[in-house]
Amino acid sequence: MSWKELWTEHRPAPLNLSDREILDWLGEYCDQAVYTRPTPQYRGGFTLYCDEIKTSGQTLREAVCLAAAKLDELNQ
């Protein structure tokens, strides 16, 4: 395995969830959601902690859909 493979985070394709599915998923799986305001040095966004998986995204939808895909991949 090369150093690139060791240092590159594997990211599954985000799921496409509806607004209702996002709210249900947040309520069922996520313990904490943190919003960080953008600064000139940092783009900001949401960080979710769901079933011991940390996931980040610029929007809440992006973060939830990616977290759902990661959890779905782990359960397979």
C-alpha atoms as a PDB file:
ATOM      1  CA  MET A   1       0.000   0.000   0.000  1.00  0.00           C
ATOM      2  CA  SER A   2       1.365   3.436  -0.888  1.00  0.00           C
ATOM      3  CA  TRP A   3       1.453   6.392   1.486  1.00  0.00           C
ATOM      4  CA  LYS A   4      -1.366   8.040  -0.493  1.00  0.00           C
ATOM      5  CA  GLU A   5      -3.690   5.116   0.177  1.00  0.00           C
ATOM      6  CA  LEU A   6      -2.789   5.158   3.866  1.00  0.00           C
ATOM      7  CA  TRP A   7      -3.398   8.896   4.246  1.00  0.00           C
ATOM      8  CA  THR A   8      -6.467   9.250   2.009  1.00  0.00           C
ATOM      9  CA  GLU A   9      -9.850   9.042   3.690  1.00  0.00           C
ATOM     10  CA  HIS A  10     -12.237   6.612   2.051  1.00  0.00           C
ATOM     11  CA  ARG A  11     -15.516   8.396   1.353  1.00  0.00           C
ATOM     12  CA  PRO A  12     -18.466   6.459  -0.007  1.00  0.00           C
ATOM     13  CA  ALA A  13     -20.867   8.179  -2.395  1.00  0.00           C
ATOM     14  CA  PRO A  14     -23.339  10.199  -0.304  1.00  0.00           C
ATOM     15  CA  LEU A  15     -26.894   8.920  -0.180  1.00  0.00           C
ATOM     16  CA  ASN A  16     -29.686  11.062  -1.595  1.00  0.00           C
ATOM     17  CA  LEU A  17     -32.075  11.534   1.354  1.00  0.00           C
ATOM     18  CA  SER A  18     -35.265  13.580   1.455  1.00  0.00           C
ATOM     19  CA  ASP A  19     -35.763  16.328   4.047  1.00  0.00           C
ATOM     20  CA  ARG A  20     -37.924  14.030   6.182  1.00  0.00           C
ATOM     21  CA  GLU A  21     -35.386  11.190   5.951  1.00  0.00           C
ATOM     22  CA  ILE A  22     -32.618  13.583   7.028  1.00  0.00           C
ATOM     23  CA  LEU A  23     -34.556  14.673  10.126  1.00  0.00           C
ATOM     24  CA  ASP A  24     -35.440  11.072  11.004  1.00  0.00           C
ATOM     25  CA  TRP A  25     -31.847   9.952  10.495  1.00  0.00           C
ATOM     26  CA  LEU A  26     -30.462  12.752  12.669  1.00  0.00           C
ATOM     27  CA  GLY A  27     -32.868  11.892  15.467  1.00  0.00           C
ATOM     28  CA  GLU A  28     -32.103   8.196  15.346  1.00  0.00           C
ATOM     29  CA  TYR A  29     -28.322   8.056  14.847  1.00  0.00           C
ATOM     30  CA  CYS A  30     -26.662  11.360  15.761  1.00  0.00           C
ATOM     31  CA  ASP A  31     -25.586  12.348  19.251  1.00  0.00           C
ATOM     32  CA  GLN A  32     -24.178  15.739  18.374  1.00  0.00           C
ATOM     33  CA  ALA A  33     -24.105  18.211  15.496  1.00  0.00           C
ATOM     34  CA  VAL A  34     -21.723  21.182  15.559  1.00  0.00           C
ATOM     35  CA  TYR A  35     -21.836  24.184  13.230  1.00  0.00           C
ATOM     36  CA  THR A  36     -18.623  26.125  12.664  1.00  0.00           C
ATOM     37  CA  ARG A  37     -18.897  29.584  11.143  1.00  0.00           C
ATOM     38  CA  PRO A  38     -16.690  30.226   8.119  1.00  0.00           C
ATOM     39  CA  THR A  39     -13.608  32.383   8.572  1.00  0.00           C
ATOM     40  CA  PRO A  40     -11.050  33.641   6.067  1.00  0.00           C
ATOM     41  CA  GLN A  41      -8.914  30.571   6.891  1.00  0.00           C
ATOM     42  CA  TYR A  42     -11.670  27.914   7.226  1.00  0.00           C
ATOM     43  CA  ARG A  43     -14.667  27.192   5.012  1.00  0.00           C
ATOM     44  CA  GLY A  44     -16.934  26.321   7.950  1.00  0.00           C
ATOM     45  CA  GLY A  45     -19.764  23.818   7.949  1.00  0.00           C
ATOM     46  CA  PHE A  46     -21.321  21.022   9.987  1.00  0.00           C
ATOM     47  CA  THR A  47     -19.619  18.224  11.898  1.00  0.00           C
ATOM     48  CA  LEU A  48     -21.801  15.293  12.933  1.00  0.00           C
ATOM     49  CA  TYR A  49     -21.046  12.629  15.526  1.00  0.00           C
ATOM     50  CA  CYS A  50     -23.250   9.659  14.696  1.00  0.00           C
ATOM     51  CA  ASP A  51     -22.700   6.203  16.217  1.00  0.00           C
ATOM     52  CA  GLU A  52     -19.017   7.030  16.856  1.00  0.00           C
ATOM     53  CA  ILE A  53     -18.498   8.196  13.242  1.00  0.00           C
ATOM     54  CA  LYS A  54     -17.335  11.779  12.710  1.00  0.00           C
ATOM     55  CA  THR A  55     -18.458  13.315   9.412  1.00  0.00           C
ATOM     56  CA  SER A  56     -18.135  16.851   8.059  1.00  0.00           C
ATOM     57  CA  GLY A  57     -19.799  18.777   5.267  1.00  0.00           C
ATOM     58  CA  GLN A  58     -20.390  22.356   4.199  1.00  0.00           C
ATOM     59  CA  THR A  59     -24.151  21.930   4.541  1.00  0.00           C
ATOM     60  CA  LEU A  60     -26.218  19.873   6.938  1.00  0.00           C
ATOM     61  CA  ARG A  61     -27.633  17.889   3.994  1.00  0.00           C
ATOM     62  CA  GLU A  62     -24.133  17.058   2.727  1.00  0.00           C
ATOM     63  CA  ALA A  63     -22.946  15.964   6.174  1.00  0.00           C
ATOM     64  CA  VAL A  64     -26.012  13.789   6.888  1.00  0.00           C
ATOM     65  CA  CYS A  65     -26.038  12.100   3.467  1.00  0.00           C
ATOM     66  CA  LEU A  66     -22.333  11.275   3.790  1.00  0.00           C
ATOM     67  CA  ALA A  67     -22.719  10.024   7.382  1.00  0.00           C
ATOM     68  CA  ALA A  68     -25.650   7.828   6.306  1.00  0.00           C
ATOM     69  CA  ALA A  69     -23.549   6.371   3.478  1.00  0.00           C
ATOM     70  CA  LYS A  70     -20.636   5.663   5.850  1.00  0.00           C
ATOM     71  CA  LEU A  71     -22.918   3.934   8.357  1.00  0.00           C
ATOM     72  CA  ASP A  72     -24.646   1.977   5.588  1.00  0.00           C
ATOM     73  CA  GLU A  73     -21.259   0.815   4.286  1.00  0.00           C
ATOM     74  CA  LEU A  74     -20.190  -0.310   7.777  1.00  0.00           C
ATOM     75  CA  ASN A  75     -23.383  -2.323   8.214  1.00  0.00           C
ATOM     76  CA  GLN A  76     -22.878  -4.264   4.988  1.00  0.00           C
END
